[in-house]
């Protein structure tokens, strides 16, 4: 290999991007540290140096996914008339645009359970949803407890995103918006 293939302005970012792209193409079960190194054009030892092992790499991909999803949800919520629909749309849009990250974010068996970055970003994303629902009038929640409404909303958007990614449901904007307005 030419030496310039090993030069990256941000090797960690290049490895995360390579992992997300490979996961989107082949699924999380098919990747290895070696395949990610090949895809990023770096030595086979580079991913292990940054992430330790496969679970460390996947945990970093998932943490990055939660961080970016949370940002999308915050942006969508700003000034939204219908908070749940806006945040739900951001969730679905993120998942469809970033299927590699989304494919590992909720696969606990693939991740390091003690990863602090993953716990922080995943927890923040969930808490943002819970806080948004808690701020709604009780009548708007149908009198249901916050956690019940949050679990219902999360289940709906996660299922919707998964069905679109898998090709079982159209990503038609009107259909998605009509489904989400029912949250």
N, C-alpha and C. Protein backbone atom coordinates (compact mmCIF):
# COMPACT_ATOMS: atom_id res chain seq x y z
N UNK A 1 0.84 -1.19 0.00
CA UNK A 1 0.00 0.00 0.00
C UNK A 1 0.87 1.23 0.00
N UNK A 2 0.39 2.27 -0.62
CA UNK A 2 1.10 3.54 -0.58
C UNK A 2 0.93 4.17 0.79
N UNK A 3 1.97 4.83 1.24
CA UNK A 3 1.95 5.41 2.58
C UNK A 3 0.85 6.45 2.76
N UNK A 4 0.51 7.20 1.70
CA UNK A 4 -0.50 8.25 1.85
C UNK A 4 -1.90 7.69 2.15
N UNK A 5 -2.10 6.41 1.93
CA UNK A 5 -3.39 5.80 2.28
C UNK A 5 -3.56 5.72 3.78
N UNK A 6 -2.45 5.77 4.52
CA UNK A 6 -2.52 5.67 5.97
C UNK A 6 -2.74 7.03 6.62
N UNK A 7 -2.68 8.09 5.89
CA UNK A 7 -2.83 9.42 6.47
C UNK A 7 -4.30 9.83 6.47
N UNK A 8 -4.81 10.10 7.64
CA UNK A 8 -6.18 10.58 7.79
C UNK A 8 -6.14 11.78 8.71
N UNK A 9 -6.90 12.79 8.38
CA UNK A 9 -7.01 13.93 9.27
C UNK A 9 -7.64 13.51 10.59
N UNK A 10 -8.54 12.57 10.54
CA UNK A 10 -9.20 12.07 11.74
C UNK A 10 -9.45 10.58 11.53
N UNK A 11 -8.51 9.77 11.97
CA UNK A 11 -8.59 8.33 11.74
C UNK A 11 -9.80 7.72 12.44
N UNK A 12 -10.10 8.15 13.65
CA UNK A 12 -11.27 7.62 14.36
C UNK A 12 -12.54 7.85 13.54
N UNK A 13 -12.70 9.06 13.02
CA UNK A 13 -13.88 9.39 12.21
C UNK A 13 -13.93 8.53 10.95
N UNK A 14 -12.77 8.35 10.31
CA UNK A 14 -12.71 7.53 9.09
C UNK A 14 -13.11 6.09 9.39
N UNK A 15 -12.69 5.56 10.52
CA UNK A 15 -13.04 4.19 10.90
C UNK A 15 -14.53 4.08 11.22
N UNK A 16 -15.08 5.06 11.93
CA UNK A 16 -16.51 5.04 12.24
C UNK A 16 -17.34 5.12 10.96
N UNK A 17 -16.93 5.99 10.04
CA UNK A 17 -17.66 6.10 8.77
C UNK A 17 -17.57 4.80 7.96
N UNK A 18 -16.39 4.20 7.95
CA UNK A 18 -16.22 2.94 7.22
C UNK A 18 -17.08 1.84 7.85
N UNK A 19 -17.13 1.80 9.17
CA UNK A 19 -17.95 0.79 9.86
C UNK A 19 -19.43 1.01 9.56
N UNK A 20 -19.90 2.24 9.66
CA UNK A 20 -21.33 2.52 9.40
C UNK A 20 -21.69 2.14 7.96
N UNK A 21 -20.82 2.45 7.01
CA UNK A 21 -21.10 2.12 5.61
C UNK A 21 -21.12 0.60 5.40
N UNK A 22 -20.18 -0.09 6.02
CA UNK A 22 -20.14 -1.55 5.84
C UNK A 22 -21.33 -2.23 6.52
N UNK A 23 -21.71 -1.73 7.68
CA UNK A 23 -22.88 -2.28 8.38
C UNK A 23 -24.13 -2.07 7.53
N UNK A 24 -24.27 -0.89 6.93
CA UNK A 24 -25.44 -0.61 6.09
C UNK A 24 -25.50 -1.55 4.90
N UNK A 25 -24.35 -1.91 4.35
CA UNK A 25 -24.29 -2.80 3.19
C UNK A 25 -24.45 -4.27 3.54
N UNK A 26 -23.79 -4.71 4.62
CA UNK A 26 -23.67 -6.14 4.90
C UNK A 26 -24.34 -6.58 6.20
N UNK A 27 -24.73 -5.63 7.03
CA UNK A 27 -25.28 -5.97 8.34
C UNK A 27 -24.19 -6.03 9.39
N UNK A 28 -24.56 -5.84 10.65
CA UNK A 28 -23.55 -5.78 11.70
C UNK A 28 -22.83 -7.11 11.94
N UNK A 29 -23.47 -8.22 11.63
CA UNK A 29 -22.84 -9.51 11.85
C UNK A 29 -21.70 -9.82 10.90
N UNK A 30 -21.64 -9.13 9.79
CA UNK A 30 -20.65 -9.43 8.76
C UNK A 30 -19.37 -8.62 8.86
N UNK A 31 -19.31 -7.67 9.77
CA UNK A 31 -18.11 -6.83 9.79
C UNK A 31 -17.06 -7.39 10.74
N UNK A 32 -15.83 -7.02 10.45
CA UNK A 32 -14.71 -7.36 11.32
C UNK A 32 -13.79 -6.14 11.37
N UNK A 33 -12.90 -6.12 12.33
CA UNK A 33 -11.95 -5.00 12.40
C UNK A 33 -11.10 -4.96 11.13
N UNK A 34 -10.73 -6.12 10.61
CA UNK A 34 -9.93 -6.17 9.38
C UNK A 34 -10.70 -5.59 8.19
N UNK A 35 -11.97 -5.94 8.07
CA UNK A 35 -12.74 -5.43 6.93
C UNK A 35 -12.91 -3.92 7.02
N UNK A 36 -13.04 -3.41 8.22
CA UNK A 36 -13.17 -1.95 8.40
C UNK A 36 -11.84 -1.28 8.08
N UNK A 37 -10.74 -1.88 8.49
CA UNK A 37 -9.42 -1.33 8.17
C UNK A 37 -9.22 -1.27 6.65
N UNK A 38 -9.58 -2.37 5.98
CA UNK A 38 -9.46 -2.39 4.51
C UNK A 38 -10.28 -1.28 3.89
N UNK A 39 -11.50 -1.16 4.33
CA UNK A 39 -12.41 -0.15 3.76
C UNK A 39 -11.88 1.27 3.99
N UNK A 40 -11.28 1.50 5.15
CA UNK A 40 -10.75 2.83 5.47
C UNK A 40 -9.37 3.06 4.87
N UNK A 41 -8.75 1.99 4.36
CA UNK A 41 -7.42 2.12 3.74
C UNK A 41 -6.32 2.30 4.77
N UNK A 42 -6.46 1.63 5.91
CA UNK A 42 -5.45 1.75 6.97
C UNK A 42 -4.96 0.36 7.34
N UNK A 43 -3.95 0.31 8.20
CA UNK A 43 -3.41 -0.98 8.62
C UNK A 43 -4.46 -1.75 9.41
N UNK A 44 -4.34 -3.06 9.40
CA UNK A 44 -5.33 -3.89 10.10
C UNK A 44 -5.31 -3.67 11.61
N UNK A 45 -4.25 -3.08 12.14
CA UNK A 45 -4.15 -2.83 13.58
C UNK A 45 -4.83 -1.52 14.00
N UNK A 46 -5.12 -0.65 13.06
CA UNK A 46 -5.66 0.67 13.41
C UNK A 46 -6.99 0.61 14.16
N UNK A 47 -7.95 -0.19 13.71
CA UNK A 47 -9.22 -0.22 14.46
C UNK A 47 -9.04 -0.74 15.89
N UNK A 48 -8.20 -1.74 16.08
CA UNK A 48 -7.97 -2.27 17.43
C UNK A 48 -7.31 -1.22 18.31
N UNK A 49 -6.42 -0.44 17.73
CA UNK A 49 -5.76 0.62 18.49
C UNK A 49 -6.78 1.64 19.00
N UNK A 50 -7.75 1.98 18.19
CA UNK A 50 -8.75 2.99 18.57
C UNK A 50 -9.90 2.44 19.39
N UNK A 51 -10.32 1.19 19.12
CA UNK A 51 -11.56 0.69 19.73
C UNK A 51 -11.38 -0.59 20.55
N UNK A 52 -10.22 -1.18 20.52
CA UNK A 52 -9.97 -2.39 21.29
C UNK A 52 -10.42 -3.64 20.56
N UNK A 53 -11.70 -3.78 20.37
CA UNK A 53 -12.23 -4.97 19.71
C UNK A 53 -13.49 -4.60 18.92
N UNK A 54 -14.10 -5.62 18.33
CA UNK A 54 -15.29 -5.42 17.50
C UNK A 54 -16.42 -4.76 18.29
N UNK A 55 -16.64 -5.24 19.51
CA UNK A 55 -17.71 -4.65 20.35
C UNK A 55 -17.40 -3.19 20.66
N UNK A 56 -16.14 -2.86 20.85
CA UNK A 56 -15.75 -1.47 21.09
C UNK A 56 -16.04 -0.59 19.88
N UNK A 57 -15.75 -1.10 18.70
CA UNK A 57 -16.04 -0.37 17.46
C UNK A 57 -17.55 -0.19 17.30
N UNK A 58 -18.30 -1.26 17.47
CA UNK A 58 -19.76 -1.17 17.31
C UNK A 58 -20.37 -0.25 18.38
N UNK A 59 -19.83 -0.27 19.58
CA UNK A 59 -20.32 0.62 20.64
C UNK A 59 -20.07 2.08 20.26
N UNK A 60 -18.93 2.36 19.67
CA UNK A 60 -18.63 3.72 19.24
C UNK A 60 -19.55 4.15 18.10
N UNK A 61 -19.83 3.24 17.17
CA UNK A 61 -20.78 3.53 16.08
C UNK A 61 -22.16 3.83 16.67
N UNK A 62 -22.60 3.01 17.62
CA UNK A 62 -23.91 3.22 18.24
C UNK A 62 -23.96 4.53 19.03
N UNK A 63 -22.92 4.82 19.78
CA UNK A 63 -22.88 6.07 20.55
C UNK A 63 -22.95 7.28 19.63
N UNK A 64 -22.22 7.22 18.53
CA UNK A 64 -22.26 8.31 17.54
C UNK A 64 -23.66 8.42 16.95
N UNK A 65 -24.29 7.30 16.70
CA UNK A 65 -25.66 7.32 16.18
C UNK A 65 -26.61 7.99 17.15
N UNK A 66 -26.53 7.62 18.42
CA UNK A 66 -27.40 8.25 19.42
C UNK A 66 -27.13 9.75 19.53
N UNK A 67 -25.85 10.14 19.48
CA UNK A 67 -25.51 11.56 19.56
C UNK A 67 -26.12 12.33 18.40
N UNK A 68 -25.97 11.79 17.20
CA UNK A 68 -26.49 12.47 16.02
C UNK A 68 -28.02 12.45 15.97
N UNK A 69 -28.62 11.35 16.42
CA UNK A 69 -30.08 11.29 16.47
C UNK A 69 -30.62 12.32 17.46
N UNK A 70 -29.96 12.43 18.60
CA UNK A 70 -30.38 13.39 19.61
C UNK A 70 -30.30 14.81 19.04
N UNK A 71 -29.24 15.12 18.34
CA UNK A 71 -29.11 16.45 17.71
C UNK A 71 -30.25 16.70 16.73
N UNK A 72 -30.58 15.70 15.94
CA UNK A 72 -31.67 15.84 14.97
C UNK A 72 -33.00 16.07 15.68
N UNK A 73 -33.21 15.37 16.78
CA UNK A 73 -34.44 15.53 17.54
C UNK A 73 -34.53 16.92 18.17
N UNK A 74 -33.42 17.41 18.68
CA UNK A 74 -33.39 18.76 19.28
C UNK A 74 -33.71 19.79 18.21
N UNK A 75 -33.07 19.67 17.06
CA UNK A 75 -33.32 20.62 15.96
C UNK A 75 -34.78 20.58 15.53
N UNK A 76 -35.36 19.38 15.45
CA UNK A 76 -36.75 19.24 15.01
C UNK A 76 -37.72 19.82 16.04
N UNK A 77 -37.39 19.68 17.31
CA UNK A 77 -38.28 20.14 18.37
C UNK A 77 -38.31 21.65 18.50
N UNK A 78 -37.23 22.30 18.10
CA UNK A 78 -37.15 23.76 18.24
C UNK A 78 -38.25 24.43 17.44
N UNK A 79 -39.16 25.03 18.14
CA UNK A 79 -40.24 25.78 17.49
C UNK A 79 -41.33 24.93 16.87
N UNK A 80 -41.34 23.63 17.13
CA UNK A 80 -42.35 22.76 16.52
C UNK A 80 -43.71 22.96 17.19
N UNK A 81 -44.74 23.02 16.37
CA UNK A 81 -46.10 23.09 16.90
C UNK A 81 -46.53 21.75 17.48
N UNK A 82 -46.17 20.69 16.80
CA UNK A 82 -46.51 19.34 17.22
C UNK A 82 -45.21 18.62 17.55
N UNK A 83 -44.82 18.68 18.82
CA UNK A 83 -43.54 18.17 19.26
C UNK A 83 -43.34 16.70 18.94
N UNK A 84 -44.31 15.86 19.26
CA UNK A 84 -44.14 14.43 19.03
C UNK A 84 -43.98 14.09 17.56
N UNK A 85 -44.77 14.74 16.72
CA UNK A 85 -44.65 14.47 15.29
C UNK A 85 -43.30 14.93 14.76
N UNK A 86 -42.85 16.10 15.19
CA UNK A 86 -41.56 16.63 14.72
C UNK A 86 -40.40 15.75 15.17
N UNK A 87 -40.41 15.35 16.43
CA UNK A 87 -39.34 14.51 16.95
C UNK A 87 -39.41 13.12 16.32
N UNK A 88 -40.61 12.60 16.14
CA UNK A 88 -40.78 11.30 15.48
C UNK A 88 -40.26 11.32 14.06
N UNK A 89 -40.54 12.41 13.37
CA UNK A 89 -40.05 12.54 11.98
C UNK A 89 -38.52 12.59 11.96
N UNK A 90 -37.93 13.30 12.91
CA UNK A 90 -36.47 13.37 12.99
C UNK A 90 -35.89 11.97 13.24
N UNK A 91 -36.54 11.20 14.08
CA UNK A 91 -36.09 9.84 14.38
C UNK A 91 -36.11 8.98 13.11
N UNK A 92 -37.23 8.99 12.43
CA UNK A 92 -37.38 8.18 11.21
C UNK A 92 -36.40 8.66 10.14
N UNK A 93 -36.31 9.95 9.94
CA UNK A 93 -35.39 10.49 8.93
C UNK A 93 -33.95 10.12 9.23
N UNK A 94 -33.55 10.20 10.51
CA UNK A 94 -32.20 9.82 10.89
C UNK A 94 -31.95 8.35 10.56
N UNK A 95 -32.88 7.50 10.99
CA UNK A 95 -32.71 6.06 10.78
C UNK A 95 -32.58 5.71 9.30
N UNK A 96 -33.41 6.31 8.48
CA UNK A 96 -33.38 6.03 7.04
C UNK A 96 -32.09 6.57 6.40
N UNK A 97 -31.63 7.72 6.86
CA UNK A 97 -30.42 8.32 6.30
C UNK A 97 -29.14 7.65 6.81
N UNK A 98 -29.21 7.00 7.97
CA UNK A 98 -28.02 6.40 8.60
C UNK A 98 -28.30 4.95 9.03
N UNK A 99 -28.62 4.09 8.07
CA UNK A 99 -29.01 2.72 8.44
C UNK A 99 -27.91 1.92 9.12
N UNK A 100 -26.66 2.22 8.84
CA UNK A 100 -25.56 1.49 9.48
C UNK A 100 -25.52 1.75 10.97
N UNK A 101 -25.59 3.01 11.34
CA UNK A 101 -25.60 3.35 12.76
C UNK A 101 -26.87 2.81 13.42
N UNK A 102 -28.00 3.02 12.77
CA UNK A 102 -29.28 2.58 13.33
C UNK A 102 -29.30 1.07 13.55
N UNK A 103 -28.64 0.32 12.68
CA UNK A 103 -28.64 -1.14 12.78
C UNK A 103 -27.95 -1.65 14.04
N UNK A 104 -27.06 -0.86 14.64
CA UNK A 104 -26.38 -1.33 15.85
C UNK A 104 -26.81 -0.61 17.11
N UNK A 105 -27.49 0.50 17.00
CA UNK A 105 -27.83 1.30 18.18
C UNK A 105 -28.65 0.53 19.20
N UNK A 106 -29.45 -0.40 18.78
CA UNK A 106 -30.36 -1.11 19.68
C UNK A 106 -30.04 -2.60 19.78
N UNK A 107 -28.85 -2.97 19.37
CA UNK A 107 -28.43 -4.38 19.39
C UNK A 107 -27.47 -4.59 20.56
N UNK A 108 -27.99 -4.61 21.75
CA UNK A 108 -27.19 -4.70 22.98
C UNK A 108 -26.23 -5.89 22.99
N UNK A 109 -26.60 -6.98 22.35
CA UNK A 109 -25.73 -8.15 22.36
C UNK A 109 -24.44 -7.93 21.57
N UNK A 110 -24.40 -6.90 20.74
CA UNK A 110 -23.21 -6.60 19.95
C UNK A 110 -22.30 -5.56 20.60
N UNK A 111 -22.79 -4.93 21.67
CA UNK A 111 -22.13 -3.76 22.24
C UNK A 111 -21.48 -4.05 23.59
N UNK A 112 -20.57 -3.17 23.99
CA UNK A 112 -19.96 -3.24 25.31
C UNK A 112 -20.94 -2.67 26.32
N UNK A 113 -21.46 -3.48 27.24
CA UNK A 113 -22.48 -2.99 28.17
C UNK A 113 -21.99 -1.86 29.08
N UNK A 114 -20.71 -1.78 29.35
CA UNK A 114 -20.19 -0.74 30.24
C UNK A 114 -19.66 0.49 29.52
N UNK A 115 -19.91 0.62 28.23
CA UNK A 115 -19.39 1.76 27.47
C UNK A 115 -20.06 3.05 27.95
N UNK A 116 -19.29 3.93 28.55
CA UNK A 116 -19.86 5.14 29.14
C UNK A 116 -20.38 6.13 28.10
N UNK A 117 -19.70 6.23 26.97
CA UNK A 117 -20.16 7.13 25.91
C UNK A 117 -21.51 6.66 25.35
N UNK A 118 -21.63 5.37 25.13
CA UNK A 118 -22.87 4.80 24.64
C UNK A 118 -24.00 5.03 25.65
N UNK A 119 -23.73 4.78 26.91
CA UNK A 119 -24.75 4.97 27.95
C UNK A 119 -25.18 6.44 28.03
N UNK A 120 -24.23 7.34 27.94
CA UNK A 120 -24.54 8.77 28.03
C UNK A 120 -25.40 9.23 26.86
N UNK A 121 -24.99 8.89 25.64
CA UNK A 121 -25.74 9.35 24.46
C UNK A 121 -27.08 8.64 24.32
N UNK A 122 -27.12 7.34 24.58
CA UNK A 122 -28.38 6.61 24.51
C UNK A 122 -29.35 7.10 25.57
N UNK A 123 -28.85 7.33 26.77
CA UNK A 123 -29.69 7.84 27.86
C UNK A 123 -30.21 9.23 27.59
N UNK A 124 -29.38 10.07 26.99
CA UNK A 124 -29.79 11.45 26.68
C UNK A 124 -30.90 11.46 25.64
N UNK A 125 -30.81 10.58 24.67
CA UNK A 125 -31.84 10.52 23.62
C UNK A 125 -33.18 10.10 24.22
N UNK A 126 -33.17 9.08 25.05
CA UNK A 126 -34.40 8.62 25.71
C UNK A 126 -34.95 9.72 26.61
N UNK A 127 -34.06 10.35 27.40
CA UNK A 127 -34.51 11.38 28.34
C UNK A 127 -35.12 12.57 27.61
N UNK A 128 -34.59 12.90 26.45
CA UNK A 128 -35.16 14.01 25.68
C UNK A 128 -36.61 13.70 25.30
N UNK A 129 -36.88 12.47 24.89
CA UNK A 129 -38.25 12.07 24.56
C UNK A 129 -39.14 12.14 25.80
N UNK A 130 -38.67 11.58 26.91
CA UNK A 130 -39.45 11.58 28.15
C UNK A 130 -39.73 13.01 28.61
N UNK A 131 -38.72 13.87 28.58
CA UNK A 131 -38.91 15.26 29.01
C UNK A 131 -39.90 15.99 28.13
N UNK A 132 -39.85 15.75 26.82
CA UNK A 132 -40.78 16.39 25.90
C UNK A 132 -42.21 15.97 26.17
N UNK A 133 -42.40 14.69 26.45
CA UNK A 133 -43.74 14.20 26.74
C UNK A 133 -44.22 14.69 28.11
N UNK A 134 -43.32 14.73 29.08
CA UNK A 134 -43.68 15.21 30.42
C UNK A 134 -44.13 16.67 30.38
N UNK A 135 -43.60 17.43 29.43
CA UNK A 135 -43.97 18.84 29.31
C UNK A 135 -45.35 19.04 28.68
N UNK A 136 -45.88 17.98 28.09
CA UNK A 136 -47.20 18.08 27.46
C UNK A 136 -48.28 18.07 28.53
N UNK A 137 -49.40 18.74 28.28
CA UNK A 137 -50.51 18.66 29.24
C UNK A 137 -50.99 17.21 29.36
N UNK A 138 -51.40 16.83 30.56
CA UNK A 138 -51.85 15.46 30.82
C UNK A 138 -52.98 15.08 29.86
N UNK A 139 -53.85 16.03 29.54
CA UNK A 139 -54.97 15.75 28.64
C UNK A 139 -54.45 15.36 27.24
N UNK A 140 -53.38 16.01 26.81
CA UNK A 140 -52.80 15.71 25.50
C UNK A 140 -52.20 14.30 25.46
N UNK A 141 -51.88 13.77 26.62
CA UNK A 141 -51.33 12.41 26.73
C UNK A 141 -52.44 11.39 26.99
N UNK A 142 -53.66 11.83 26.92
CA UNK A 142 -54.78 10.92 27.19
C UNK A 142 -54.81 10.44 28.63
N UNK A 143 -54.20 11.21 29.53
CA UNK A 143 -54.16 10.84 30.93
C UNK A 143 -53.15 9.75 31.26
N UNK A 144 -52.43 9.28 30.25
CA UNK A 144 -51.46 8.20 30.43
C UNK A 144 -50.18 8.73 31.11
N UNK A 145 -49.52 7.87 31.87
CA UNK A 145 -48.23 8.26 32.45
C UNK A 145 -47.20 8.56 31.35
N UNK A 146 -46.28 9.44 31.65
CA UNK A 146 -45.24 9.85 30.70
C UNK A 146 -44.51 8.66 30.10
N UNK A 147 -44.10 7.71 30.93
CA UNK A 147 -43.31 6.57 30.45
C UNK A 147 -44.10 5.70 29.48
N UNK A 148 -45.40 5.59 29.68
CA UNK A 148 -46.24 4.79 28.78
C UNK A 148 -46.32 5.48 27.41
N UNK A 149 -46.56 6.78 27.42
CA UNK A 149 -46.64 7.52 26.16
C UNK A 149 -45.28 7.50 25.45
N UNK A 150 -44.19 7.64 26.22
CA UNK A 150 -42.85 7.60 25.63
C UNK A 150 -42.58 6.24 24.99
N UNK A 151 -42.92 5.17 25.68
CA UNK A 151 -42.70 3.82 25.13
C UNK A 151 -43.56 3.59 23.89
N UNK A 152 -44.79 4.08 23.90
CA UNK A 152 -45.68 3.94 22.74
C UNK A 152 -45.11 4.71 21.55
N UNK A 153 -44.70 5.95 21.78
CA UNK A 153 -44.16 6.78 20.70
C UNK A 153 -42.87 6.17 20.14
N UNK A 154 -41.99 5.73 21.04
CA UNK A 154 -40.72 5.13 20.61
C UNK A 154 -40.98 3.87 19.79
N UNK A 155 -41.89 3.04 20.26
CA UNK A 155 -42.22 1.81 19.53
C UNK A 155 -42.73 2.11 18.13
N UNK A 156 -43.57 3.12 18.03
CA UNK A 156 -44.13 3.47 16.73
C UNK A 156 -43.06 3.97 15.77
N UNK A 157 -42.23 4.92 16.21
CA UNK A 157 -41.24 5.47 15.28
C UNK A 157 -40.15 4.45 14.97
N UNK A 158 -39.79 3.63 15.94
CA UNK A 158 -38.76 2.62 15.69
C UNK A 158 -39.28 1.58 14.70
N UNK A 159 -40.51 1.14 14.90
CA UNK A 159 -41.10 0.19 13.97
C UNK A 159 -41.25 0.76 12.58
N UNK A 160 -41.70 2.00 12.50
CA UNK A 160 -41.87 2.67 11.21
C UNK A 160 -40.53 2.78 10.50
N UNK A 161 -39.50 3.23 11.21
CA UNK A 161 -38.17 3.36 10.61
C UNK A 161 -37.64 2.01 10.13
N UNK A 162 -37.82 0.99 10.95
CA UNK A 162 -37.34 -0.35 10.59
C UNK A 162 -38.05 -0.87 9.35
N UNK A 163 -39.36 -0.69 9.28
CA UNK A 163 -40.11 -1.15 8.10
C UNK A 163 -39.68 -0.42 6.83
N UNK A 164 -39.38 0.86 6.93
CA UNK A 164 -38.93 1.62 5.76
C UNK A 164 -37.54 1.15 5.33
N UNK A 165 -36.63 1.02 6.29
CA UNK A 165 -35.27 0.58 5.98
C UNK A 165 -35.27 -0.79 5.33
N UNK A 166 -36.11 -1.68 5.83
CA UNK A 166 -36.17 -3.04 5.28
C UNK A 166 -36.94 -3.15 3.98
N UNK A 167 -37.52 -2.04 3.53
CA UNK A 167 -38.25 -2.04 2.26
C UNK A 167 -39.67 -2.58 2.37
N UNK A 168 -40.15 -2.80 3.57
CA UNK A 168 -41.50 -3.33 3.76
C UNK A 168 -42.57 -2.24 3.71
N UNK A 169 -42.15 -1.00 3.84
CA UNK A 169 -43.07 0.13 3.83
C UNK A 169 -42.43 1.27 3.04
N UNK A 170 -43.24 1.99 2.33
CA UNK A 170 -42.75 3.10 1.53
C UNK A 170 -42.28 4.24 2.42
N UNK A 171 -41.27 4.93 1.95
CA UNK A 171 -40.77 6.11 2.67
C UNK A 171 -41.53 7.36 2.23
N UNK A 172 -42.67 7.18 1.62
CA UNK A 172 -43.48 8.30 1.15
C UNK A 172 -43.73 9.29 2.29
N UNK A 173 -43.36 10.57 2.06
CA UNK A 173 -43.46 11.58 3.10
C UNK A 173 -44.87 11.75 3.65
N UNK A 174 -45.85 11.71 2.78
CA UNK A 174 -47.23 11.89 3.24
C UNK A 174 -47.66 10.74 4.14
N UNK A 175 -47.32 9.52 3.76
CA UNK A 175 -47.66 8.36 4.57
C UNK A 175 -46.99 8.44 5.95
N UNK A 176 -45.68 8.73 5.93
CA UNK A 176 -44.94 8.83 7.18
C UNK A 176 -45.54 9.91 8.07
N UNK A 177 -45.82 11.07 7.53
CA UNK A 177 -46.38 12.16 8.33
C UNK A 177 -47.75 11.78 8.91
N UNK A 178 -48.58 11.12 8.12
CA UNK A 178 -49.91 10.72 8.61
C UNK A 178 -49.80 9.70 9.73
N UNK A 179 -48.87 8.76 9.60
CA UNK A 179 -48.65 7.77 10.66
C UNK A 179 -48.15 8.48 11.92
N UNK A 180 -47.20 9.37 11.75
CA UNK A 180 -46.62 10.06 12.91
C UNK A 180 -47.61 10.99 13.61
N UNK A 181 -48.50 11.58 12.89
CA UNK A 181 -49.49 12.46 13.53
C UNK A 181 -50.40 11.66 14.46
N UNK A 182 -50.43 10.36 14.29
CA UNK A 182 -51.23 9.52 15.16
C UNK A 182 -50.53 9.17 16.47
N UNK A 183 -49.28 9.63 16.64
CA UNK A 183 -48.53 9.33 17.87
C UNK A 183 -49.27 9.90 18.98
